[in-house]
Amino acid sequence: MQPMDESGEASTAPRNEFPAVPGVADLAYKLERAMERIEESEERVERLEGRDAD
């Protein structure tokens, strides 16, 4: 299903992933940074566990 414009035809303009709500871009940035930190922590844990296996 595609968004319809005023003429009733399907719009070819890309839909915004997030609505234009103040603060959403900031929250998305913070979420992305948090996910990066989680990934880095997981990598550190894997390295430490690998050392214990020796």
PDB file of N, CA and C in Angstrom:
ATOM      1  N   MET A   1       0.845  -1.173   0.000  1.00  0.00           N
ATOM      2  CA  MET A   1       0.000   0.000   0.000  1.00  0.00           C
ATOM      3  C   MET A   1       0.892   1.239   0.000  1.00  0.00           C
ATOM      4  N   GLN A   2       0.584   2.182  -0.880  1.00  0.00           N
ATOM      5  CA  GLN A   2       1.372   3.404  -0.976  1.00  0.00           C
ATOM      6  C   GLN A   2       0.534   4.591  -0.522  1.00  0.00           C
ATOM      7  N   PRO A   3       1.186   5.618   0.021  1.00  0.00           N
ATOM      8  CA  PRO A   3       0.426   6.809   0.409  1.00  0.00           C
ATOM      9  C   PRO A   3      -0.171   7.478  -0.821  1.00  0.00           C
ATOM     10  N   MET A   4      -1.343   8.035  -0.660  1.00  0.00           N
ATOM     11  CA  MET A   4      -2.023   8.690  -1.774  1.00  0.00           C
ATOM     12  C   MET A   4      -1.856  10.200  -1.657  1.00  0.00           C
ATOM     13  N   ASP A   5      -1.684  10.852  -2.814  1.00  0.00           N
ATOM     14  CA  ASP A   5      -1.644  12.306  -2.774  1.00  0.00           C
ATOM     15  C   ASP A   5      -3.069  12.835  -2.943  1.00  0.00           C
ATOM     16  N   GLU A   6      -3.224  14.164  -2.999  1.00  0.00           N
ATOM     17  CA  GLU A   6      -4.556  14.753  -3.063  1.00  0.00           C
ATOM     18  C   GLU A   6      -5.312  14.378  -4.327  1.00  0.00           C
ATOM     19  N   SER A   7      -4.626  14.047  -5.407  1.00  0.00           N
ATOM     20  CA  SER A   7      -5.299  13.694  -6.650  1.00  0.00           C
ATOM     21  C   SER A   7      -5.826  12.265  -6.622  1.00  0.00           C
ATOM     22  N   GLY A   8      -5.466  11.496  -5.584  1.00  0.00           N
ATOM     23  CA  GLY A   8      -5.939  10.126  -5.477  1.00  0.00           C
ATOM     24  C   GLY A   8      -4.986   9.128  -6.100  1.00  0.00           C
ATOM     25  N   GLU A   9      -3.857   9.607  -6.621  1.00  0.00           N
ATOM     26  CA  GLU A   9      -2.863   8.708  -7.207  1.00  0.00           C
ATOM     27  C   GLU A   9      -1.784   8.405  -6.174  1.00  0.00           C
ATOM     28  N   ALA A  10      -1.147   7.248  -6.325  1.00  0.00           N
ATOM     29  CA  ALA A  10      -0.100   6.846  -5.399  1.00  0.00           C
ATOM     30  C   ALA A  10       1.058   7.824  -5.469  1.00  0.00           C
ATOM     31  N   SER A  11       1.545   8.217  -4.335  1.00  0.00           N
ATOM     32  CA  SER A  11       2.665   9.144  -4.255  1.00  0.00           C
ATOM     33  C   SER A  11       3.968   8.388  -4.469  1.00  0.00           C
ATOM     34  N   THR A  12       4.896   9.001  -5.213  1.00  0.00           N
ATOM     35  CA  THR A  12       6.206   8.383  -5.416  1.00  0.00           C
ATOM     36  C   THR A  12       7.238   8.951  -4.452  1.00  0.00           C
ATOM     37  N   ALA A  13       6.845   9.939  -3.644  1.00  0.00           N
ATOM     38  CA  ALA A  13       7.768  10.531  -2.669  1.00  0.00           C
ATOM     39  C   ALA A  13       8.035   9.522  -1.562  1.00  0.00           C
ATOM     40  N   PRO A  14       9.300   9.443  -1.104  1.00  0.00           N
ATOM     41  CA  PRO A  14       9.602   8.494  -0.021  1.00  0.00           C
ATOM     42  C   PRO A  14       8.909   8.909   1.277  1.00  0.00           C
ATOM     43  N   ARG A  15       8.424   7.924   2.004  1.00  0.00           N
ATOM     44  CA  ARG A  15       7.798   8.196   3.294  1.00  0.00           C
ATOM     45  C   ARG A  15       8.881   8.428   4.327  1.00  0.00           C
ATOM     46  N   ASN A  16       8.621   9.333   5.248  1.00  0.00           N
ATOM     47  CA  ASN A  16       9.547   9.540   6.365  1.00  0.00           C
ATOM     48  C   ASN A  16       9.468   8.336   7.279  1.00  0.00           C
ATOM     49  N   GLU A  17      10.617   7.868   7.722  1.00  0.00           N
ATOM     50  CA  GLU A  17      10.633   6.726   8.631  1.00  0.00           C
ATOM     51  C   GLU A  17      10.055   7.132   9.985  1.00  0.00           C
ATOM     52  N   PHE A  18      10.319   8.371  10.405  1.00  0.00           N
ATOM     53  CA  PHE A  18       9.812   8.873  11.668  1.00  0.00           C
ATOM     54  C   PHE A  18       8.952  10.092  11.384  1.00  0.00           C
ATOM     55  N   PRO A  19       7.891  10.267  12.121  1.00  0.00           N
ATOM     56  CA  PRO A  19       7.087  11.476  11.942  1.00  0.00           C
ATOM     57  C   PRO A  19       7.885  12.703  12.373  1.00  0.00           C
ATOM     58  N   ALA A  20       7.479  13.855  11.897  1.00  0.00           N
ATOM     59  CA  ALA A  20       8.190  15.096  12.223  1.00  0.00           C
ATOM     60  C   ALA A  20       7.804  15.549  13.628  1.00  0.00           C
ATOM     61  N   VAL A  21       8.323  14.872  14.615  1.00  0.00           N
ATOM     62  CA  VAL A  21       8.049  15.189  16.015  1.00  0.00           C
ATOM     63  C   VAL A  21       9.344  15.690  16.628  1.00  0.00           C
ATOM     64  N   PRO A  22       9.302  16.836  17.289  1.00  0.00           N
ATOM     65  CA  PRO A  22      10.526  17.340  17.914  1.00  0.00           C
ATOM     66  C   PRO A  22      11.111  16.308  18.870  1.00  0.00           C
ATOM     67  N   GLY A  23      12.423  16.147  18.799  1.00  0.00           N
ATOM     68  CA  GLY A  23      13.098  15.242  19.709  1.00  0.00           C
ATOM     69  C   GLY A  23      13.297  13.831  19.176  1.00  0.00           C
ATOM     70  N   VAL A  24      12.591  13.444  18.105  1.00  0.00           N
ATOM     71  CA  VAL A  24      12.721  12.082  17.591  1.00  0.00           C
ATOM     72  C   VAL A  24      14.125  11.847  17.044  1.00  0.00           C
ATOM     73  N   ALA A  25      14.670  12.814  16.328  1.00  0.00           N
ATOM     74  CA  ALA A  25      16.019  12.663  15.776  1.00  0.00           C
ATOM     75  C   ALA A  25      17.039  12.521  16.909  1.00  0.00           C
ATOM     76  N   ASP A  26      16.863  13.280  17.976  1.00  0.00           N
ATOM     77  CA  ASP A  26      17.767  13.190  19.124  1.00  0.00           C
ATOM     78  C   ASP A  26      17.663  11.819  19.781  1.00  0.00           C
ATOM     79  N   LEU A  27      16.454  11.324  19.948  1.00  0.00           N
ATOM     80  CA  LEU A  27      16.265  10.004  20.543  1.00  0.00           C
ATOM     81  C   LEU A  27      16.848   8.911  19.651  1.00  0.00           C
ATOM     82  N   ALA A  28      16.679   9.054  18.352  1.00  0.00           N
ATOM     83  CA  ALA A  28      17.228   8.063  17.426  1.00  0.00           C
ATOM     84  C   ALA A  28      18.750   8.045  17.521  1.00  0.00           C
ATOM     85  N   TYR A  29      19.356   9.228  17.629  1.00  0.00           N
ATOM     86  CA  TYR A  29      20.812   9.311  17.773  1.00  0.00           C
ATOM     87  C   TYR A  29      21.269   8.642  19.070  1.00  0.00           C
ATOM     88  N   LYS A  30      20.569   8.932  20.159  1.00  0.00           N
ATOM     89  CA  LYS A  30      20.939   8.353  21.449  1.00  0.00           C
ATOM     90  C   LYS A  30      20.777   6.835  21.431  1.00  0.00           C
ATOM     91  N   LEU A  31      19.734   6.349  20.786  1.00  0.00           N
ATOM     92  CA  LEU A  31      19.520   4.911  20.675  1.00  0.00           C
ATOM     93  C   LEU A  31      20.633   4.263  19.867  1.00  0.00           C
ATOM     94  N   GLU A  32      21.024   4.911  18.787  1.00  0.00           N
ATOM     95  CA  GLU A  32      22.114   4.378  17.964  1.00  0.00           C
ATOM     96  C   GLU A  32      23.414   4.300  18.763  1.00  0.00           C
ATOM     97  N   ARG A  33      23.727   5.347  19.520  1.00  0.00           N
ATOM     98  CA  ARG A  33      24.934   5.348  20.359  1.00  0.00           C
ATOM     99  C   ARG A  33      24.864   4.252  21.419  1.00  0.00           C
ATOM    100  N   ALA A  34      23.698   4.073  22.031  1.00  0.00           N
ATOM    101  CA  ALA A  34      23.539   3.034  23.050  1.00  0.00           C
ATOM    102  C   ALA A  34      23.757   1.659  22.439  1.00  0.00           C
ATOM    103  N   MET A  35      23.239   1.431  21.242  1.00  0.00           N
ATOM    104  CA  MET A  35      23.420   0.147  20.570  1.00  0.00           C
ATOM    105  C   MET A  35      24.899  -0.092  20.268  1.00  0.00           C
ATOM    106  N   GLU A  36      25.609   0.947  19.863  1.00  0.00           N
ATOM    107  CA  GLU A  36      27.046   0.815  19.603  1.00  0.00           C
ATOM    108  C   GLU A  36      27.790   0.442  20.879  1.00  0.00           C
ATOM    109  N   ARG A  37      27.429   1.066  21.996  1.00  0.00           N
ATOM    110  CA  ARG A  37      28.080   0.750  23.275  1.00  0.00           C
ATOM    111  C   ARG A  37      27.808  -0.694  23.690  1.00  0.00           C
ATOM    112  N   ILE A  38      26.586  -1.152  23.469  1.00  0.00           N
ATOM    113  CA  ILE A  38      26.235  -2.542  23.795  1.00  0.00           C
ATOM    114  C   ILE A  38      27.084  -3.498  22.964  1.00  0.00           C
ATOM    115  N   GLU A  39      27.201  -3.221  21.667  1.00  0.00           N
ATOM    116  CA  GLU A  39      28.010  -4.076  20.795  1.00  0.00           C
ATOM    117  C   GLU A  39      29.465  -4.100  21.253  1.00  0.00           C
ATOM    118  N   GLU A  40      30.007  -2.931  21.610  1.00  0.00           N
ATOM    119  CA  GLU A  40      31.389  -2.869  22.090  1.00  0.00           C
ATOM    120  C   GLU A  40      31.555  -3.676  23.373  1.00  0.00           C
ATOM    121  N   SER A  41      30.583  -3.578  24.267  1.00  0.00           N
ATOM    122  CA  SER A  41      30.646  -4.342  25.521  1.00  0.00           C
ATOM    123  C   SER A  41      30.590  -5.837  25.250  1.00  0.00           C
ATOM    124  N   GLU A  42      29.729  -6.243  24.331  1.00  0.00           N
ATOM    125  CA  GLU A  42      29.634  -7.665  23.989  1.00  0.00           C
ATOM    126  C   GLU A  42      30.955  -8.178  23.423  1.00  0.00           C
ATOM    127  N   GLU A  43      31.611  -7.370  22.587  1.00  0.00           N
ATOM    128  CA  GLU A  43      32.901  -7.768  22.015  1.00  0.00           C
ATOM    129  C   GLU A  43      33.952  -7.917  23.106  1.00  0.00           C
ATOM    130  N   ARG A  44      33.951  -6.989  24.079  1.00  0.00           N
ATOM    131  CA  ARG A  44      34.904  -7.082  25.194  1.00  0.00           C
ATOM    132  C   ARG A  44      34.671  -8.346  26.015  1.00  0.00           C
ATOM    133  N   VAL A  45      33.415  -8.654  26.285  1.00  0.00           N
ATOM    134  CA  VAL A  45      33.089  -9.859  27.053  1.00  0.00           C
ATOM    135  C   VAL A  45      33.569 -11.095  26.308  1.00  0.00           C
ATOM    136  N   GLU A  46      33.329 -11.132  24.988  1.00  0.00           N
ATOM    137  CA  GLU A  46      33.771 -12.277  24.189  1.00  0.00           C
ATOM    138  C   GLU A  46      35.283 -12.428  24.246  1.00  0.00           C
ATOM    139  N   ARG A  47      36.022 -11.305  24.168  1.00  0.00           N
ATOM    140  CA  ARG A  47      37.479 -11.374  24.255  1.00  0.00           C
ATOM    141  C   ARG A  47      37.914 -11.886  25.617  1.00  0.00           C
ATOM    142  N   LEU A  48      37.297 -11.392  26.679  1.00  0.00           N
ATOM    143  CA  LEU A  48      37.657 -11.822  28.031  1.00  0.00           C
ATOM    144  C   LEU A  48      37.335 -13.303  28.232  1.00  0.00           C
ATOM    145  N   GLU A  49      36.191 -13.730  27.749  1.00  0.00           N
ATOM    146  CA  GLU A  49      35.839 -15.145  27.869  1.00  0.00           C
ATOM    147  C   GLU A  49      36.811 -16.021  27.088  1.00  0.00           C
ATOM    148  N   GLY A  50      37.273 -15.522  25.960  1.00  0.00           N
ATOM    149  CA  GLY A  50      38.233 -16.254  25.145  1.00  0.00           C
ATOM    150  C   GLY A  50      39.549 -16.431  25.873  1.00  0.00           C
ATOM    151  N   ARG A  51      39.961 -15.433  26.648  1.00  0.00           N
ATOM    152  CA  ARG A  51      41.194 -15.511  27.428  1.00  0.00           C
ATOM    153  C   ARG A  51      41.082 -16.548  28.534  1.00  0.00           C
ATOM    154  N   ASP A  52      39.876 -16.630  29.135  1.00  0.00           N
ATOM    155  CA  ASP A  52      39.660 -17.603  30.216  1.00  0.00           C
ATOM    156  C   ASP A  52      39.687 -19.034  29.708  1.00  0.00           C
ATOM    157  N   ALA A  53      39.375 -19.248  28.427  1.00  0.00           N
ATOM    158  CA  ALA A  53      39.314 -20.598  27.867  1.00  0.00           C
ATOM    159  C   ALA A  53      40.687 -21.181  27.636  1.00  0.00           C
ATOM    160  N   ASP A  54      41.739 -20.338  27.604  1.00  0.00           N
ATOM    161  CA  ASP A  54      43.110 -20.815  27.344  1.00  0.00           C
ATOM    162  C   ASP A  54      43.682 -21.609  28.460  1.00  0.00           C
TER     163      ASP A  54
END
